[in-house]
Amino acid sequence: MLSPAYLEHLPDEFVRLFLGVENSVIEDMARRIVKTATLTDTAKWQYERLRAANASYDYIMQQLERMTGQTEGELRGLFEGAGVEALEYDNRIYRYAGLEPTALEDSPLLRQQVLTAYKNTQGVFQNLTRTTASAGQKQFIDALDHAALQLQSGAFAYTEVIPAAIRELAQSGLAAIRYPTGHVDRLDVATRRAVLTGVNQMAGKLSVAQADDMGCDLVETTAHAGARPSHQVWQGKVFSRSGSGRYPDFASSTGYGTGAGLCGWNCRHSFFPYFEGLSESAYPRKTLDDYNNRTVEYGDKKLSYYDATQVQRGMERAVRATKRELAGYGAGMKDADEPLRNALKEKFDRSSVTLKRQEAKLKDFTKKTGLDRQREREQVLGFGRSAAQKAVSANRNMLFIKNDATKKAASGLPKKLNLPDEKIKQTVNVDLSVLHGVVPKGANATEVYAMAGAGTSTPLRDVKRLYSSYPRAGPASGWQKKSGTVYTQNYKYVIHWYENHGTVPPFEIKLKGVKKR
């Protein structure tokens, strides 16, 4: 028998590793969409579309085959360890009953059960590699074709279409299995099910084989809070494997041997030997009633424990999807031209705010409901410290932009801030009807002051545009609108410019007025 707690986190590391593959694939797709979607020549588009689709398929296959090969030893070790754990629990009961059960290492038949289960699951992963590559390639082609259709219609700009295509891929995740009904299992779902179901079915077969050898007819199922409703009716109860006597029939009552039943798809229930007159039920009626009727409150709603865990799973999926979005936008920015890069940067910033809001909501939900926050279910391998720091920084900047006016009103800072003389950092063209020339870079500016932005109580209306257009200039909070006067022998030039910690973009400095001295 394997306990529900043992089974709950068993697939986590494998899911985390394959989520890393998914993240890498989304990044790869984003880069290919950026490079391919904007082609206008029809013949070249068709060629590049086919080439990109084939390259995407090859990349998915390569990444999944690499990960499957890397985890082969870990997967075998997982099955062997789970086999030992399952039989050790059962064997303690048999020994207490005065029987002499065979240990796993001493039974070729039981060892073969473990090996067969491991090979079957390894085969599932190999099949997943092929189905995921095919389904993922179709996702990529669909996203690329949809983007091209929108661009060809002339109704949408490429700076709108490409970010939307990347978001669509990231939100859906990498498809692993596409059923004829249209239902799609994502890679993380298929991975978790393959590991959890494979291990638990193996444990069940070991328990049955040992029970046959020990002549044990009765078994008791495990129980846990938050079980799916269809499993609550039989969890924690005693059954007869032969179906004789006063106990219900094991297989027909629990669905053992079927995908929807005991030890089936994603099931964390197991079973162990029970000897009437010797064993005491591990799950008294009070415990089962608590498991089956447990509720939690969140806000003004009362939820069953099972429904609450499903809400939590949904929140965790949303967090992972947003992290995939951030990865896709970040990858797309590397190969984009400036307008598209700015559009992707704006999407990245918005998604960063969304991520922090989702994480805060998930934290609040688990705290108020008493559920364990399972951070491993929120993680995406590849979304490491660097990516997280970028998301945190973007979130901080977006919050500054949103709250700047309110905070400045209560800041007590001056409306404008007088500053020392400084050198003009960009050349300014003078193109008037009566005067032509330039105010050269390096000219001395006097009467310098910041009229809005950092250091003042005056909000900078253009801060959102500036931060989006020049993300490398510095944080949103660093932008100022400044004014300075340059005097020459005959003229007085008033110059305005936007600056962020010494950086003045060439297009953000203007001549505001000229007077003859």
Protein backbone atom coordinates (compact mmCIF):
# COMPACT_ATOMS: atom_id res chain seq x y z
CA MET A 1 0.00 0.00 0.00
CA LEU A 2 1.13 3.54 -0.77
CA SER A 3 -0.34 6.30 1.35
CA PRO A 4 -2.16 9.26 -0.28
CA ALA A 5 0.51 11.59 1.13
CA TYR A 6 3.26 9.50 -0.49
CA LEU A 7 1.49 9.50 -3.84
CA GLU A 8 0.55 13.19 -3.80
CA HIS A 9 4.02 14.56 -4.47
CA LEU A 10 5.47 11.54 -6.25
CA PRO A 11 5.26 13.03 -9.80
CA ASP A 12 6.27 16.58 -8.84
CA GLU A 13 9.91 16.45 -9.95
CA PHE A 14 9.06 14.84 -13.30
CA VAL A 15 6.30 17.38 -13.92
CA ARG A 16 8.71 20.20 -13.07
CA LEU A 17 11.30 18.90 -15.55
CA PHE A 18 8.80 18.49 -18.38
CA LEU A 19 7.32 21.92 -17.64
CA GLY A 20 10.83 23.19 -18.31
CA VAL A 21 10.66 21.55 -21.73
CA GLU A 22 7.28 23.18 -22.33
CA ASN A 23 8.68 26.57 -21.39
CA SER A 24 11.61 26.11 -23.75
CA VAL A 25 9.28 25.11 -26.60
CA ILE A 26 7.03 28.16 -26.05
CA GLU A 27 10.11 30.39 -26.21
CA ASP A 28 11.22 28.68 -29.42
CA MET A 29 7.77 29.08 -30.98
CA ALA A 30 7.69 32.77 -29.99
CA ARG A 31 11.02 33.42 -31.72
CA ARG A 32 9.86 31.61 -34.88
CA ILE A 33 6.58 33.54 -35.00
CA VAL A 34 8.43 36.84 -34.69
CA LYS A 35 10.71 35.87 -37.59
CA THR A 36 8.06 34.35 -39.86
CA ALA A 37 4.68 36.01 -39.32
CA THR A 38 5.58 39.39 -40.84
CA LEU A 39 6.76 38.05 -44.23
CA THR A 40 4.69 39.58 -47.04
CA ASP A 41 5.92 37.70 -50.11
CA THR A 42 3.49 34.76 -50.56
CA ALA A 43 6.01 32.27 -51.94
CA LYS A 44 8.55 33.10 -49.29
CA TRP A 45 5.86 32.94 -46.60
CA GLN A 46 4.82 29.42 -47.65
CA TYR A 47 8.44 28.27 -47.69
CA GLU A 48 9.30 29.79 -44.33
CA ARG A 49 6.03 28.55 -42.79
CA LEU A 50 6.85 24.96 -43.75
CA ARG A 51 10.44 25.31 -42.65
CA ALA A 52 9.47 26.84 -39.30
CA ALA A 53 6.83 24.16 -38.69
CA ASN A 54 9.29 21.34 -39.38
CA ALA A 55 11.94 23.01 -37.25
CA SER A 56 9.43 23.38 -34.41
CA TYR A 57 8.55 19.67 -34.62
CA ASP A 58 12.24 18.72 -34.58
CA TYR A 59 12.91 21.01 -31.62
CA ILE A 60 10.04 19.52 -29.58
CA MET A 61 11.20 15.97 -30.37
CA GLN A 62 14.78 16.81 -29.47
CA GLN A 63 13.87 18.42 -26.15
CA LEU A 64 11.49 15.64 -25.10
CA GLU A 65 13.83 12.82 -26.14
CA ARG A 66 16.63 14.50 -24.21
CA MET A 67 14.48 14.83 -21.09
CA THR A 68 13.11 11.28 -21.37
CA GLY A 69 16.65 9.95 -21.64
CA GLN A 70 17.86 12.04 -18.72
CA THR A 71 15.05 10.91 -16.43
CA GLU A 72 15.17 7.20 -17.34
CA GLY A 73 17.30 6.27 -14.33
CA GLU A 74 15.28 8.45 -11.97
CA LEU A 75 12.04 6.92 -13.21
CA ARG A 76 13.27 3.38 -12.65
CA GLY A 77 14.47 4.31 -9.18
CA LEU A 78 11.09 5.86 -8.44
CA PHE A 79 9.27 2.62 -9.32
CA GLU A 80 11.69 0.44 -7.38
CA GLY A 81 11.46 2.66 -4.30
CA ALA A 82 7.67 2.76 -4.49
CA GLY A 83 7.56 -1.04 -4.82
CA VAL A 84 9.63 -1.47 -1.68
CA GLU A 85 7.47 1.06 0.20
CA ALA A 86 4.20 -0.58 -0.88
CA LEU A 87 5.19 -4.11 0.15
CA GLU A 88 6.88 -3.06 3.38
CA TYR A 89 3.59 -1.64 4.63
CA ASP A 90 1.62 -4.73 3.62
CA ASN A 91 4.24 -7.12 4.98
CA ARG A 92 4.16 -5.55 8.43
CA ILE A 93 0.46 -6.45 8.62
CA TYR A 94 1.10 -10.00 7.39
CA ARG A 95 3.85 -10.52 9.94
CA TYR A 96 1.58 -9.19 12.69
CA ALA A 97 -0.95 -11.80 11.56
CA GLY A 98 1.70 -14.50 12.04
CA LEU A 99 2.46 -14.99 8.33
CA GLU A 100 5.82 -14.92 6.56
CA PRO A 101 5.54 -12.71 3.47
CA THR A 102 8.25 -12.59 0.81
CA ALA A 103 10.30 -9.40 0.52
CA LEU A 104 10.44 -7.71 -2.88
CA GLU A 105 14.14 -8.44 -3.38
CA ASP A 106 13.54 -12.17 -2.74
CA SER A 107 10.72 -12.61 -5.25
CA PRO A 108 11.50 -12.76 -9.00
CA LEU A 109 7.77 -12.56 -9.72
CA LEU A 110 7.31 -9.35 -7.72
CA ARG A 111 10.48 -7.81 -9.14
CA GLN A 112 9.18 -8.55 -12.63
CA GLN A 113 5.96 -6.71 -11.75
CA VAL A 114 8.03 -3.61 -10.89
CA LEU A 115 10.13 -3.87 -14.06
CA THR A 116 7.06 -4.32 -16.27
CA ALA A 117 5.32 -1.30 -14.71
CA TYR A 118 8.44 0.82 -15.19
CA LYS A 119 8.80 -0.23 -18.84
CA ASN A 120 5.13 0.45 -19.51
CA THR A 121 5.43 3.97 -18.10
CA GLN A 122 8.65 4.55 -20.01
CA GLY A 123 6.73 3.51 -23.12
CA VAL A 124 4.03 6.05 -22.25
CA PHE A 125 6.69 8.76 -22.15
CA GLN A 126 8.07 7.67 -25.52
CA ASN A 127 4.56 7.83 -26.98
CA LEU A 128 4.09 11.25 -25.40
CA THR A 129 7.20 12.46 -27.20
CA ARG A 130 5.66 11.64 -30.57
CA THR A 131 2.12 12.83 -29.81
CA THR A 132 3.37 16.04 -28.18
CA ALA A 133 5.62 16.86 -31.12
CA SER A 134 2.70 16.39 -33.54
CA ALA A 135 0.16 18.25 -31.40
CA GLY A 136 2.66 21.02 -30.64
CA GLN A 137 3.51 21.45 -34.31
CA LYS A 138 -0.21 21.83 -35.08
CA GLN A 139 -0.52 24.46 -32.35
CA PHE A 140 2.38 26.37 -33.86
CA ILE A 141 0.98 26.16 -37.42
CA ASP A 142 -2.49 27.25 -36.25
CA ALA A 143 -1.06 30.23 -34.35
CA LEU A 144 1.16 31.22 -37.30
CA ASP A 145 -1.65 30.88 -39.86
CA HIS A 146 -4.07 32.85 -37.71
CA ALA A 147 -1.51 35.63 -37.28
CA ALA A 148 -0.82 35.74 -41.03
CA LEU A 149 -4.55 35.86 -41.83
CA GLN A 150 -5.06 38.80 -39.50
CA LEU A 151 -2.09 40.64 -40.99
CA GLN A 152 -3.24 40.01 -44.55
CA SER A 153 -6.68 41.41 -43.73
CA GLY A 154 -5.08 44.77 -43.03
CA ALA A 155 -7.30 45.25 -39.98
CA PHE A 156 -4.53 44.57 -37.47
CA ALA A 157 -0.97 45.79 -37.02
CA TYR A 158 1.80 43.23 -36.58
CA THR A 159 2.54 44.77 -33.19
CA GLU A 160 -0.93 43.57 -32.12
CA VAL A 161 -1.06 40.24 -33.91
CA ILE A 162 2.27 38.73 -32.88
CA PRO A 163 1.94 39.37 -29.12
CA ALA A 164 -1.59 37.90 -29.31
CA ALA A 165 -0.25 34.76 -31.04
CA ILE A 166 2.42 34.32 -28.38
CA ARG A 167 -0.14 34.78 -25.61
CA GLU A 168 -2.46 32.21 -27.19
CA LEU A 169 0.32 29.60 -27.26
CA ALA A 170 1.41 30.38 -23.72
CA GLN A 171 -2.10 30.29 -22.28
CA SER A 172 -2.96 26.95 -23.88
CA GLY A 173 0.34 25.32 -22.94
CA LEU A 174 1.98 22.55 -24.93
CA ALA A 175 -0.57 19.98 -26.06
CA ALA A 176 0.52 16.39 -25.41
CA ILE A 177 -2.52 14.41 -26.51
CA ARG A 178 -5.35 15.59 -28.76
CA TYR A 179 -8.41 13.31 -28.60
CA PRO A 180 -10.95 12.83 -31.43
CA THR A 181 -13.52 14.61 -29.23
CA GLY A 182 -11.38 17.75 -29.38
CA HIS A 183 -10.26 17.48 -25.76
CA VAL A 184 -6.56 18.23 -25.25
CA ASP A 185 -4.30 17.11 -22.40
CA ARG A 186 -1.38 19.42 -21.75
CA LEU A 187 2.11 18.06 -21.21
CA ASP A 188 2.10 18.68 -17.45
CA VAL A 189 -1.24 16.88 -17.07
CA ALA A 190 -0.10 13.89 -19.14
CA THR A 191 3.21 13.67 -17.26
CA ARG A 192 1.59 13.73 -13.82
CA ARG A 193 -0.96 11.12 -14.84
CA ALA A 194 1.68 8.82 -16.39
CA VAL A 195 3.86 8.77 -13.25
CA LEU A 196 1.13 8.73 -10.59
CA THR A 197 -1.09 6.20 -12.33
CA GLY A 198 1.81 3.96 -13.36
CA VAL A 199 3.24 3.78 -9.84
CA ASN A 200 -0.10 3.31 -8.10
CA GLN A 201 -1.24 0.58 -10.47
CA MET A 202 2.07 -1.19 -9.88
CA ALA A 203 1.56 -0.93 -6.11
CA GLY A 204 -1.93 -2.38 -6.51
CA LYS A 205 -0.66 -5.36 -8.50
CA LEU A 206 2.06 -6.01 -5.90
CA SER A 207 -0.55 -5.92 -3.13
CA VAL A 208 -2.83 -8.30 -5.03
CA ALA A 209 0.03 -10.72 -5.77
CA GLN A 210 1.11 -10.72 -2.12
CA ALA A 211 -2.49 -11.14 -0.92
CA ASP A 212 -2.88 -14.14 -3.24
CA ASP A 213 0.30 -15.66 -1.85
CA MET A 214 -0.78 -15.02 1.76
CA GLY A 215 -4.36 -16.20 1.21
CA CYS A 216 -5.76 -12.84 2.28
CA ASP A 217 -9.25 -12.06 0.96
CA LEU A 218 -10.11 -8.82 2.76
CA VAL A 219 -8.57 -5.44 1.99
CA GLU A 220 -9.16 -1.93 3.29
CA THR A 221 -8.89 1.11 1.04
CA THR A 222 -7.01 4.23 2.08
CA ALA A 223 -8.79 7.57 2.52
CA HIS A 224 -7.92 11.25 2.36
CA ALA A 225 -9.63 14.62 2.54
CA GLY A 226 -10.50 16.17 -0.80
CA ALA A 227 -11.16 12.89 -2.60
CA ARG A 228 -13.23 13.18 -5.75
CA PRO A 229 -16.93 12.55 -4.94
CA SER A 230 -17.07 9.27 -6.86
CA HIS A 231 -14.25 7.90 -4.68
CA GLN A 232 -15.64 9.13 -1.38
CA VAL A 233 -18.31 6.40 -1.43
CA TRP A 234 -15.75 3.61 -1.03
CA GLN A 235 -12.66 5.17 0.55
CA GLY A 236 -11.63 3.90 3.98
CA LYS A 237 -13.82 0.80 3.83
CA VAL A 238 -13.23 -2.97 3.94
CA PHE A 239 -13.98 -5.15 0.89
CA SER A 240 -13.79 -8.79 -0.09
CA ARG A 241 -11.66 -9.60 -3.13
CA SER A 242 -13.67 -12.76 -3.74
CA GLY A 243 -16.98 -11.00 -3.20
CA SER A 244 -18.09 -13.58 -0.64
CA GLY A 245 -19.20 -13.05 2.95
CA ARG A 246 -20.62 -9.92 4.50
CA TYR A 247 -18.23 -7.46 2.87
CA PRO A 248 -18.91 -5.80 -0.52
CA ASP A 249 -17.13 -7.03 -3.62
CA PHE A 250 -13.80 -5.25 -4.00
CA ALA A 251 -13.57 -4.75 -7.79
CA SER A 252 -17.19 -3.90 -8.53
CA SER A 253 -17.51 -1.54 -5.54
CA THR A 254 -14.29 0.43 -6.09
CA GLY A 255 -13.85 0.13 -9.84
CA TYR A 256 -10.44 -1.40 -9.28
CA GLY A 257 -8.89 -2.24 -12.64
CA THR A 258 -10.64 0.62 -14.46
CA GLY A 259 -9.29 4.04 -15.30
CA ALA A 260 -11.94 5.86 -13.30
CA GLY A 261 -11.72 3.63 -10.22
CA LEU A 262 -9.32 2.71 -7.45
CA CYS A 263 -5.64 3.02 -8.54
CA GLY A 264 -6.88 4.47 -11.84
CA TRP A 265 -6.15 7.81 -13.49
CA ASN A 266 -4.53 10.21 -11.00
CA CYS A 267 -6.01 8.26 -8.07
CA ARG A 268 -4.16 8.56 -4.75
CA HIS A 269 -6.09 5.75 -3.06
CA SER A 270 -4.55 2.36 -2.43
CA PHE A 271 -5.45 -0.67 -0.32
CA PHE A 272 -3.87 -2.99 2.23
CA PRO A 273 -4.60 -6.38 3.88
CA TYR A 274 -7.30 -6.62 6.52
CA PHE A 275 -7.83 -9.54 8.91
CA GLU A 276 -11.20 -9.73 10.60
CA GLY A 277 -10.89 -10.04 14.38
CA LEU A 278 -7.26 -8.89 14.26
CA SER A 279 -7.21 -5.64 12.29
CA GLU A 280 -8.81 -2.42 13.40
CA SER A 281 -10.04 -0.04 10.73
CA ALA A 282 -7.49 2.66 9.99
CA TYR A 283 -10.35 5.04 9.24
CA PRO A 284 -13.04 5.17 11.97
CA ARG A 285 -16.43 6.53 10.98
CA LYS A 286 -15.64 9.91 12.55
CA THR A 287 -12.49 10.26 10.46
CA LEU A 288 -14.27 9.33 7.23
CA ASP A 289 -17.12 11.73 7.99
CA ASP A 290 -14.58 14.48 8.54
CA TYR A 291 -12.80 13.67 5.25
CA ASN A 292 -16.00 13.45 3.23
CA ASN A 293 -17.83 16.41 4.77
CA ARG A 294 -14.94 18.79 5.34
CA THR A 295 -15.60 22.32 4.09
CA VAL A 296 -13.66 25.57 3.98
CA GLU A 297 -14.80 29.18 3.84
CA TYR A 298 -13.46 31.83 1.53
CA GLY A 299 -15.07 35.23 1.58
CA ASP A 300 -18.79 34.65 1.79
CA LYS A 301 -18.62 31.21 0.16
CA LYS A 302 -18.50 27.77 1.74
CA LEU A 303 -16.73 25.17 -0.40
CA SER A 304 -16.29 21.46 -0.04
CA TYR A 305 -12.67 20.52 0.58
CA TYR A 306 -12.55 18.84 -2.83
CA ASP A 307 -13.94 21.91 -4.61
CA ALA A 308 -11.45 24.11 -2.75
CA THR A 309 -8.54 21.99 -3.97
CA GLN A 310 -9.87 22.29 -7.53
CA VAL A 311 -10.01 26.07 -7.16
CA GLN A 312 -6.42 25.98 -5.94
CA ARG A 313 -5.35 23.82 -8.92
CA GLY A 314 -6.99 26.36 -11.24
CA MET A 315 -5.09 29.22 -9.61
CA GLU A 316 -1.82 27.29 -9.93
CA ARG A 317 -2.49 26.63 -13.62
CA ALA A 318 -3.13 30.35 -14.14
CA VAL A 319 0.20 31.22 -12.49
CA ARG A 320 2.07 28.77 -14.73
CA ALA A 321 0.31 30.10 -17.83
CA THR A 322 1.33 33.67 -17.01
CA LYS A 323 4.90 32.57 -16.47
CA ARG A 324 4.83 30.96 -19.91
CA GLU A 325 3.52 34.24 -21.31
CA LEU A 326 6.40 36.13 -19.76
CA ALA A 327 8.88 33.61 -21.17
CA GLY A 328 7.31 33.90 -24.64
CA TYR A 329 7.31 37.69 -24.65
CA GLY A 330 10.89 37.75 -23.37
CA ALA A 331 12.07 35.37 -26.09
CA GLY A 332 10.19 37.27 -28.81
CA MET A 333 11.78 40.57 -27.80
CA LYS A 334 15.25 39.25 -28.62
CA ASP A 335 14.50 38.95 -32.36
CA ALA A 336 11.94 41.76 -32.78
CA ASP A 337 12.36 45.14 -34.40
CA GLU A 338 11.93 48.20 -32.20
CA PRO A 339 8.15 48.73 -32.58
CA LEU A 340 7.42 45.05 -31.95
CA ARG A 341 9.93 44.88 -29.12
CA ASN A 342 8.20 47.82 -27.44
CA ALA A 343 4.80 46.15 -27.91
CA LEU A 344 6.10 42.88 -26.43
CA LYS A 345 7.71 44.80 -23.57
CA GLU A 346 4.37 46.41 -22.77
CA LYS A 347 2.72 42.97 -22.75
CA PHE A 348 5.54 41.64 -20.57
CA ASP A 349 4.97 44.45 -18.09
CA ARG A 350 1.21 43.87 -17.97
CA SER A 351 1.68 40.14 -17.50
CA SER A 352 4.14 40.83 -14.68
CA VAL A 353 1.41 42.75 -12.85
CA THR A 354 -1.01 39.90 -13.55
CA LEU A 355 1.46 37.35 -12.14
CA LYS A 356 1.92 39.24 -8.89
CA ARG A 357 -1.84 39.63 -8.53
CA GLN A 358 -2.37 35.90 -9.19
CA GLU A 359 0.31 34.93 -6.67
CA ALA A 360 -1.15 37.26 -4.06
CA LYS A 361 -4.64 35.84 -4.61
CA LEU A 362 -3.34 32.27 -4.35
CA LYS A 363 -1.49 33.12 -1.14
CA ASP A 364 -4.63 34.71 0.32
CA PHE A 365 -6.78 31.73 -0.72
CA THR A 366 -4.53 29.11 0.87
CA LYS A 367 -4.08 31.16 4.02
CA LYS A 368 -7.81 31.72 4.57
CA THR A 369 -8.87 28.18 3.64
CA GLY A 370 -6.04 26.43 5.49
CA LEU A 371 -4.93 24.55 2.35
CA ASP A 372 -1.24 23.89 1.88
CA ARG A 373 0.34 26.17 -0.69
CA GLN A 374 2.14 23.76 -3.00
CA ARG A 375 4.74 26.01 -4.59
CA GLU A 376 6.14 23.18 -6.69
CA ARG A 377 2.88 23.29 -8.67
CA GLU A 378 3.46 26.98 -9.44
CA GLN A 379 7.00 26.57 -10.68
CA VAL A 380 8.09 26.53 -14.32
CA LEU A 381 11.61 25.22 -14.87
CA GLY A 382 13.49 27.86 -16.86
CA PHE A 383 11.55 30.65 -15.17
CA GLY A 384 14.49 31.17 -12.85
CA ARG A 385 15.77 33.97 -10.69
CA SER A 386 16.64 36.23 -13.63
CA ALA A 387 13.19 35.91 -15.20
CA ALA A 388 11.51 36.32 -11.82
CA GLN A 389 13.55 39.46 -11.10
CA LYS A 390 12.56 40.93 -14.46
CA ALA A 391 8.91 40.21 -13.69
CA VAL A 392 9.22 41.77 -10.23
CA SER A 393 10.92 44.85 -11.69
CA ALA A 394 8.29 45.20 -14.40
CA ASN A 395 5.52 44.86 -11.82
CA ARG A 396 7.13 47.52 -9.65
CA ASN A 397 7.34 49.91 -12.59
CA MET A 398 3.74 49.31 -13.66
CA LEU A 399 2.52 49.91 -10.11
CA PHE A 400 4.52 53.14 -10.02
CA ILE A 401 2.91 54.31 -13.26
CA LYS A 402 -0.55 53.44 -11.97
CA ASN A 403 -0.14 55.14 -8.57
CA ASP A 404 2.25 57.98 -9.46
CA ALA A 405 -0.28 60.82 -9.49
CA THR A 406 -1.87 59.79 -6.20
CA LYS A 407 1.44 59.43 -4.41
CA LYS A 408 2.83 62.70 -5.77
CA ALA A 409 -0.23 64.60 -4.57
CA ALA A 410 0.58 63.55 -1.01
CA SER A 411 4.36 63.68 -1.31
CA GLY A 412 5.02 67.23 -0.13
CA LEU A 413 7.58 67.67 -2.92
CA PRO A 414 7.88 70.98 -4.81
CA LYS A 415 5.88 71.43 -8.03
CA LYS A 416 9.15 72.04 -9.84
CA LEU A 417 12.72 71.31 -8.83
CA ASN A 418 15.56 73.75 -9.54
CA LEU A 419 18.75 72.02 -10.73
CA PRO A 420 22.36 72.97 -11.43
CA ASP A 421 23.58 74.03 -14.87
CA GLU A 422 24.39 71.11 -17.16
CA LYS A 423 25.54 70.26 -20.68
CA ILE A 424 22.93 69.53 -23.35
CA LYS A 425 23.15 65.78 -24.03
CA GLN A 426 21.74 65.76 -27.59
CA THR A 427 21.97 68.16 -30.53
CA VAL A 428 18.74 70.13 -31.08
CA ASN A 429 17.72 71.27 -34.58
CA VAL A 430 16.59 74.86 -35.03
CA ASP A 431 14.36 75.01 -38.09
CA LEU A 432 12.32 78.20 -38.04
CA SER A 433 11.19 80.47 -40.85
CA VAL A 434 13.65 83.14 -39.75
CA LEU A 435 16.37 81.01 -38.24
CA HIS A 436 18.10 77.75 -39.13
CA GLY A 437 20.89 75.90 -37.36
CA VAL A 438 21.43 73.74 -34.26
CA VAL A 439 21.97 73.97 -30.55
CA PRO A 440 24.96 71.61 -30.38
CA LYS A 441 25.39 68.72 -28.02
CA GLY A 442 27.53 69.87 -25.09
CA ALA A 443 26.21 73.44 -25.06
CA ASN A 444 25.88 74.81 -21.54
CA ALA A 445 22.31 75.06 -20.23
CA THR A 446 21.42 77.35 -17.36
CA GLU A 447 18.19 77.97 -15.44
CA VAL A 448 17.71 74.21 -15.42
CA TYR A 449 14.73 72.74 -13.59
CA ALA A 450 12.58 69.61 -13.53
CA MET A 451 8.99 70.56 -14.29
CA ALA A 452 7.53 67.08 -13.74
CA GLY A 453 8.51 63.58 -12.71
CA ALA A 454 11.19 62.49 -10.27
CA GLY A 455 11.82 64.91 -7.43
CA THR A 456 8.61 66.88 -8.00
CA SER A 457 4.97 66.63 -6.99
CA THR A 458 3.93 67.06 -10.62
CA PRO A 459 2.99 63.77 -12.35
CA LEU A 460 4.73 63.02 -15.63
CA ARG A 461 1.95 62.33 -18.11
CA ASP A 462 4.24 60.60 -20.60
CA VAL A 463 5.85 58.22 -18.10
CA LYS A 464 4.05 55.12 -19.42
CA ARG A 465 5.11 55.82 -23.02
CA LEU A 466 8.67 56.62 -21.99
CA TYR A 467 9.07 53.49 -19.88
CA SER A 468 7.61 51.33 -22.64
CA SER A 469 9.69 52.94 -25.41
CA TYR A 470 13.01 53.04 -23.55
CA PRO A 471 13.03 50.12 -21.10
CA ARG A 472 16.82 50.17 -20.81
CA ALA A 473 16.95 53.81 -19.74
CA GLY A 474 15.97 52.98 -16.18
CA PRO A 475 12.95 52.51 -13.93
CA ALA A 476 9.73 54.42 -14.54
CA SER A 477 10.28 56.36 -11.33
CA GLY A 478 13.49 57.88 -12.74
CA TRP A 479 11.94 59.85 -15.60
CA GLN A 480 11.84 63.66 -15.46
CA LYS A 481 10.71 66.38 -17.82
CA LYS A 482 13.36 69.10 -17.71
CA SER A 483 13.90 72.57 -19.05
CA GLY A 484 17.08 74.57 -19.63
CA THR A 485 18.16 77.75 -21.36
CA VAL A 486 21.12 78.06 -23.72
CA TYR A 487 22.45 81.59 -24.33
CA THR A 488 24.48 82.54 -27.40
CA GLN A 489 25.72 85.97 -28.45
CA ASN A 490 22.48 86.80 -30.27
CA TYR A 491 19.83 84.34 -29.11
CA LYS A 492 18.27 82.68 -26.09
CA TYR A 493 17.12 79.08 -26.70
CA VAL A 494 14.69 77.30 -24.34
CA ILE A 495 15.12 73.53 -24.50
CA HIS A 496 12.79 70.84 -23.04
CA TRP A 497 13.71 67.20 -22.74
CA TYR A 498 12.90 63.90 -21.02
CA GLU A 499 15.68 62.35 -18.99
CA ASN A 500 16.18 59.24 -16.86
CA HIS A 501 19.31 59.24 -14.69
CA GLY A 502 21.39 60.99 -17.34
CA THR A 503 19.89 59.23 -20.37
CA VAL A 504 18.21 61.53 -22.90
CA PRO A 505 16.84 59.65 -25.95
CA PRO A 506 17.56 61.55 -29.22
CA PHE A 507 13.85 61.98 -30.04
CA GLU A 508 12.94 63.26 -26.59
CA ILE A 509 14.64 66.70 -26.69
CA LYS A 510 12.97 69.69 -28.34
CA LEU A 511 13.32 73.39 -28.95
CA LYS A 512 10.47 75.17 -27.13
CA GLY A 513 11.30 78.79 -27.88
CA VAL A 514 13.84 81.27 -29.28
CA LYS A 515 14.23 84.94 -28.37
CA LYS A 516 16.63 87.49 -29.72
CA ARG A 517 18.80 88.99 -27.03
